[in-house]
Amino acid sequence: MKVIPMPADCNANGDIFGGWVMAQVDLAGAVLPARLVRGRMATVAVNEFIFKQPVKVGDILSFFARIVKVGRTSVTVKVEVFAERIRLQGDYIKVTEASLTYVAIDGSGKPCPVGSQA
């Protein structure tokens, strides 16, 4: 996934809100487990979230996700975020990394086995 943060996403210091970055990481992280779950799922844990560098307005953010664990009802994903600085095209710096766990849920919101909803 690629995203460009805008001025409306800034905090009082002129950097991008950490919460905005977290929301984008949750979206990017959900893509791979959705292919396995094939139905409803929910984010149940943010196991780790590390902000390494600030994100600036105009950075081109690239999100890379990989599945690290598949359980009976859950999928854990690692997401790494790299920024291509607007003035340094072609230079990438890791700005964030996170580990999130998603759980498959049935129609009533209860955990169910991964892939059982197809």
Protein backbone atom coordinates (compact mmCIF):
# COMPACT_ATOMS: atom_id res chain seq x y z
CA MET A 1 0.00 0.00 0.00
CA LYS A 2 1.22 3.53 -0.73
CA VAL A 3 -0.10 6.70 0.90
CA ILE A 4 0.90 10.38 0.96
CA PRO A 5 0.07 12.19 4.23
CA MET A 6 -1.39 15.66 3.89
CA PRO A 7 -1.25 18.84 6.05
CA ALA A 8 -4.57 17.95 7.72
CA ASP A 9 -2.82 14.86 9.17
CA CYS A 10 -0.23 16.96 11.10
CA ASN A 11 0.22 17.44 14.80
CA ALA A 12 1.24 20.74 16.47
CA ASN A 13 4.93 20.03 15.69
CA GLY A 14 4.31 19.78 11.96
CA ASP A 15 4.86 16.01 11.84
CA ILE A 16 2.18 13.47 10.96
CA PHE A 17 0.05 12.26 13.87
CA GLY A 18 1.14 8.87 15.17
CA GLY A 19 -2.52 7.85 15.31
CA TRP A 20 -2.89 8.53 11.60
CA VAL A 21 0.11 6.30 10.89
CA MET A 22 -1.35 3.61 13.17
CA ALA A 23 -4.66 3.65 11.26
CA GLN A 24 -2.83 3.23 7.94
CA VAL A 25 -0.77 0.35 9.38
CA ASP A 26 -3.99 -1.36 10.53
CA LEU A 27 -5.45 -1.05 7.02
CA ALA A 28 -2.29 -2.35 5.33
CA GLY A 29 -1.93 -5.14 7.87
CA ALA A 30 -5.50 -6.36 7.34
CA VAL A 31 -5.08 -7.16 3.63
CA LEU A 32 -3.24 -10.49 3.97
CA PRO A 33 -5.31 -11.98 6.82
CA ALA A 34 -8.49 -11.02 4.94
CA ARG A 35 -7.42 -13.43 2.18
CA LEU A 36 -7.19 -16.27 4.71
CA VAL A 37 -10.21 -15.39 6.84
CA ARG A 38 -12.53 -14.83 3.85
CA GLY A 39 -15.12 -13.15 6.05
CA ARG A 40 -15.40 -10.79 8.99
CA MET A 41 -12.39 -10.12 11.14
CA ALA A 42 -11.31 -7.66 13.79
CA THR A 43 -8.04 -6.26 15.04
CA VAL A 44 -7.61 -7.75 18.51
CA ALA A 45 -4.08 -6.74 19.43
CA VAL A 46 -1.34 -4.34 18.59
CA ASN A 47 1.50 -6.46 19.90
CA GLU A 48 4.23 -3.97 19.08
CA PHE A 49 4.37 -0.54 17.49
CA ILE A 50 7.67 1.27 17.05
CA PHE A 51 8.00 4.77 15.62
CA LYS A 52 11.57 5.03 14.35
CA GLN A 53 11.50 8.37 12.50
CA PRO A 54 8.93 11.15 12.11
CA VAL A 55 6.71 11.16 9.03
CA LYS A 56 6.54 14.45 7.15
CA VAL A 57 3.89 16.00 4.93
CA GLY A 58 4.48 14.87 1.36
CA ASP A 59 6.43 11.71 2.25
CA ILE A 60 5.45 8.78 0.06
CA LEU A 61 4.79 5.98 2.54
CA SER A 62 5.13 2.35 1.47
CA PHE A 63 3.62 -0.34 3.70
CA PHE A 64 4.90 -3.91 3.53
CA ALA A 65 3.08 -6.67 5.41
CA ARG A 66 3.85 -10.33 5.96
CA ILE A 67 2.08 -13.02 7.93
CA VAL A 68 4.18 -14.29 10.83
CA LYS A 69 1.69 -16.66 12.49
CA VAL A 70 -1.63 -18.32 11.72
CA GLY A 71 -3.56 -19.70 14.67
CA ARG A 72 -6.92 -21.44 14.85
CA THR A 73 -8.89 -18.17 14.92
CA SER A 74 -6.19 -15.53 14.50
CA VAL A 75 -3.54 -14.23 12.12
CA THR A 76 -0.53 -12.17 13.24
CA VAL A 77 1.05 -9.78 10.76
CA LYS A 78 4.25 -7.72 10.78
CA VAL A 79 4.05 -4.38 8.95
CA GLU A 80 7.04 -2.24 8.01
CA VAL A 81 6.61 1.33 6.81
CA PHE A 82 9.18 3.14 4.68
CA ALA A 83 9.10 6.83 3.76
CA GLU A 84 10.41 8.19 0.50
CA ARG A 85 11.13 11.81 1.37
CA ILE A 86 9.58 14.19 -1.16
CA ARG A 87 12.91 15.97 -1.75
CA LEU A 88 15.02 12.81 -1.79
CA GLN A 89 13.22 10.71 -4.40
CA GLY A 90 14.58 7.17 -4.40
CA ASP A 91 15.85 7.38 -0.79
CA TYR A 92 13.83 5.22 1.62
CA ILE A 93 13.96 5.27 5.41
CA LYS A 94 12.11 2.92 7.75
CA VAL A 95 9.79 5.07 9.86
CA THR A 96 7.60 2.51 11.61
CA GLU A 97 7.27 -1.19 12.28
CA ALA A 98 4.43 -3.00 13.98
CA SER A 99 2.98 -6.39 14.82
CA LEU A 100 -0.81 -6.78 14.84
CA THR A 101 -3.15 -9.70 15.44
CA TYR A 102 -6.49 -10.07 13.68
CA VAL A 103 -9.18 -12.58 14.65
CA ALA A 104 -11.81 -14.18 12.42
CA ILE A 105 -15.32 -13.49 13.72
CA ASP A 106 -18.72 -14.91 12.91
CA GLY A 107 -21.97 -13.00 12.34
CA SER A 108 -22.44 -12.44 16.07
CA GLY A 109 -18.89 -11.18 16.60
CA LYS A 110 -17.55 -14.36 18.23
CA PRO A 111 -14.17 -15.82 17.24
CA CYS A 112 -14.37 -18.59 14.64
CA PRO A 113 -11.79 -20.72 12.82
CA VAL A 114 -9.78 -18.97 10.10
CA GLY A 115 -11.30 -19.77 6.68
CA SER A 116 -14.52 -21.27 8.04
CA GLN A 117 -16.69 -18.44 6.72
CA ALA A 118 -16.24 -19.16 3.03
